Structures are given as C-alpha cells and as structure tokens.
Amino acid sequence: MKRRTLHSLLRPLEGDPPPELRVGIEEKISRAIERMAAASCDRIAVVKNGELVGMVVLEEALQAIGLTRGGEEVSPRDG
C-alpha cells in the first residue's frame, strides 16, 4: 500500500497556529489525525522546511484514509 502524506489534502492556511498544531508535509495522514485528536481541534497547519504551507482539515483527513468522524467506513478519496 502506498504511504499517503498530506500533499493531496492541503488548503490555504488561516492565521498563525502554535507549534503544537503543526505537522510536517511528509508526515502520514494518520499522524496529522493523531495530533488533531490530541489537541481536540479539527484542523492542523502543515509546514515544509520550517515554512507554513497550508492546513489540513480533520474531516478530509479521515475521509482520505477511509473513515468519518462517527467511525463509519467510506471509500478513500483519490489523491
């Protein structure tokens, strides 16, 4: 199975989030979901080479790995 990273889920960044709400662009989608869950938030900033490049929304990250917030399985999104 291909390792899925955050590239395909990037959205424009809104604001300047704290360091604990940031994840590297090469991280697995599951790692971003773990960080959002730990911080009880629904979006996380994405960085590349120390620069903010966008954000990922929890709902889209869950869909990308075949889940929804309620735990119901769905088809993973292409990307």
C-alpha atoms as a PDB file:
ATOM      1  CA  MET A   1       0.000   0.000   0.000  1.00  0.00           C
ATOM      2  CA  LYS A   2       1.299   3.450  -0.933  1.00  0.00           C
ATOM      3  CA  ARG A   3       2.212   5.677   2.007  1.00  0.00           C
ATOM      4  CA  ARG A   4      -0.203   8.601   1.932  1.00  0.00           C
ATOM      5  CA  THR A   5       1.034  12.007   3.030  1.00  0.00           C
ATOM      6  CA  LEU A   6      -0.593  15.386   3.431  1.00  0.00           C
ATOM      7  CA  HIS A   7       0.186  16.833  -0.026  1.00  0.00           C
ATOM      8  CA  SER A   8      -3.199  15.993  -1.516  1.00  0.00           C
ATOM      9  CA  LEU A   9      -5.157  17.459   1.396  1.00  0.00           C
ATOM     10  CA  LEU A  10      -3.599  20.936   1.645  1.00  0.00           C
ATOM     11  CA  ARG A  11      -5.835  24.003   1.897  1.00  0.00           C
ATOM     12  CA  PRO A  12      -4.833  27.659   2.257  1.00  0.00           C
ATOM     13  CA  LEU A  13      -3.673  28.474   5.777  1.00  0.00           C
ATOM     14  CA  GLU A  14      -5.731  30.757   8.002  1.00  0.00           C
ATOM     15  CA  GLY A  15      -3.894  32.523  10.835  1.00  0.00           C
ATOM     16  CA  ASP A  16      -0.661  31.581  12.618  1.00  0.00           C
ATOM     17  CA  PRO A  17      -1.171  28.392  14.647  1.00  0.00           C
ATOM     18  CA  PRO A  18       1.021  27.454  17.621  1.00  0.00           C
ATOM     19  CA  PRO A  19       3.827  24.887  17.123  1.00  0.00           C
ATOM     20  CA  GLU A  20       1.823  22.047  18.713  1.00  0.00           C
ATOM     21  CA  LEU A  21      -0.779  22.461  15.950  1.00  0.00           C
ATOM     22  CA  ARG A  22       1.719  21.945  13.123  1.00  0.00           C
ATOM     23  CA  VAL A  23       2.859  18.851  11.256  1.00  0.00           C
ATOM     24  CA  GLY A  24       5.441  18.254   8.521  1.00  0.00           C
ATOM     25  CA  ILE A  25       4.230  17.894   4.945  1.00  0.00           C
ATOM     26  CA  GLU A  26       5.838  14.441   4.596  1.00  0.00           C
ATOM     27  CA  GLU A  27       4.051  13.059   7.684  1.00  0.00           C
ATOM     28  CA  LYS A  28       1.467  10.332   7.299  1.00  0.00           C
ATOM     29  CA  ILE A  29      -2.159  11.422   7.274  1.00  0.00           C
ATOM     30  CA  SER A  30      -2.712   9.267  10.360  1.00  0.00           C
ATOM     31  CA  ARG A  31      -0.070  11.277  12.260  1.00  0.00           C
ATOM     32  CA  ALA A  32      -1.893  14.529  11.477  1.00  0.00           C
ATOM     33  CA  ILE A  33      -5.151  12.973  12.703  1.00  0.00           C
ATOM     34  CA  GLU A  34      -3.446  11.856  15.935  1.00  0.00           C
ATOM     35  CA  ARG A  35      -2.127  15.383  16.543  1.00  0.00           C
ATOM     36  CA  MET A  36      -5.550  16.945  15.916  1.00  0.00           C
ATOM     37  CA  ALA A  37      -7.222  14.446  18.252  1.00  0.00           C
ATOM     38  CA  ALA A  38      -4.657  15.093  20.989  1.00  0.00           C
ATOM     39  CA  ALA A  39      -5.271  18.842  20.702  1.00  0.00           C
ATOM     40  CA  SER A  40      -9.074  18.484  20.343  1.00  0.00           C
ATOM     41  CA  CYS A  41      -9.088  20.515  17.136  1.00  0.00           C
ATOM     42  CA  ASP A  42     -10.389  19.962  13.620  1.00  0.00           C
ATOM     43  CA  ARG A  43      -7.519  21.413  11.591  1.00  0.00           C
ATOM     44  CA  ILE A  44      -3.742  21.449  11.684  1.00  0.00           C
ATOM     45  CA  ALA A  45      -1.109  23.592   9.961  1.00  0.00           C
ATOM     46  CA  VAL A  46       1.349  21.947   7.574  1.00  0.00           C
ATOM     47  CA  VAL A  47       4.990  23.007   7.329  1.00  0.00           C
ATOM     48  CA  LYS A  48       7.708  22.342   4.767  1.00  0.00           C
ATOM     49  CA  ASN A  49      11.314  23.249   5.551  1.00  0.00           C
ATOM     50  CA  GLY A  50      10.085  25.240   8.556  1.00  0.00           C
ATOM     51  CA  GLU A  51       7.664  27.349   6.491  1.00  0.00           C
ATOM     52  CA  LEU A  52       3.872  27.211   6.816  1.00  0.00           C
ATOM     53  CA  VAL A  53       2.437  25.931   3.521  1.00  0.00           C
ATOM     54  CA  GLY A  54      -1.208  25.211   4.309  1.00  0.00           C
ATOM     55  CA  MET A  55      -3.561  23.324   6.580  1.00  0.00           C
ATOM     56  CA  VAL A  56      -5.403  20.022   6.710  1.00  0.00           C
ATOM     57  CA  VAL A  57      -8.985  19.635   7.932  1.00  0.00           C
ATOM     58  CA  LEU A  58      -9.839  16.620  10.115  1.00  0.00           C
ATOM     59  CA  GLU A  59     -12.915  15.537   8.150  1.00  0.00           C
ATOM     60  CA  GLU A  60     -10.967  15.415   4.881  1.00  0.00           C
ATOM     61  CA  ALA A  61      -8.060  13.570   6.522  1.00  0.00           C
ATOM     62  CA  LEU A  62     -10.452  10.947   7.911  1.00  0.00           C
ATOM     63  CA  GLN A  63     -12.103  10.524   4.507  1.00  0.00           C
ATOM     64  CA  ALA A  64      -8.699  10.124   2.855  1.00  0.00           C
ATOM     65  CA  ILE A  65      -7.978   7.047   4.981  1.00  0.00           C
ATOM     66  CA  GLY A  66     -11.500   5.646   4.675  1.00  0.00           C
ATOM     67  CA  LEU A  67     -13.136   6.878   7.875  1.00  0.00           C
ATOM     68  CA  THR A  68     -15.579   9.518   9.085  1.00  0.00           C
ATOM     69  CA  ARG A  69     -15.845  11.158  12.493  1.00  0.00           C
ATOM     70  CA  GLY A  70     -18.504   8.685  13.565  1.00  0.00           C
ATOM     71  CA  GLY A  71     -16.259   5.746  12.706  1.00  0.00           C
ATOM     72  CA  GLU A  72     -18.273   4.750   9.650  1.00  0.00           C
ATOM     73  CA  GLU A  73     -16.120   3.431   6.819  1.00  0.00           C
ATOM     74  CA  VAL A  74     -16.172   5.237   3.491  1.00  0.00           C
ATOM     75  CA  SER A  75     -14.202   4.876   0.258  1.00  0.00           C
ATOM     76  CA  PRO A  76     -10.846   6.681   0.430  1.00  0.00           C
ATOM     77  CA  ARG A  77     -10.569   9.794  -1.704  1.00  0.00           C
ATOM     78  CA  ASP A  78      -8.272   9.667  -4.730  1.00  0.00           C
ATOM     79  CA  GLY A  79      -5.086  11.642  -4.336  1.00  0.00           C
END
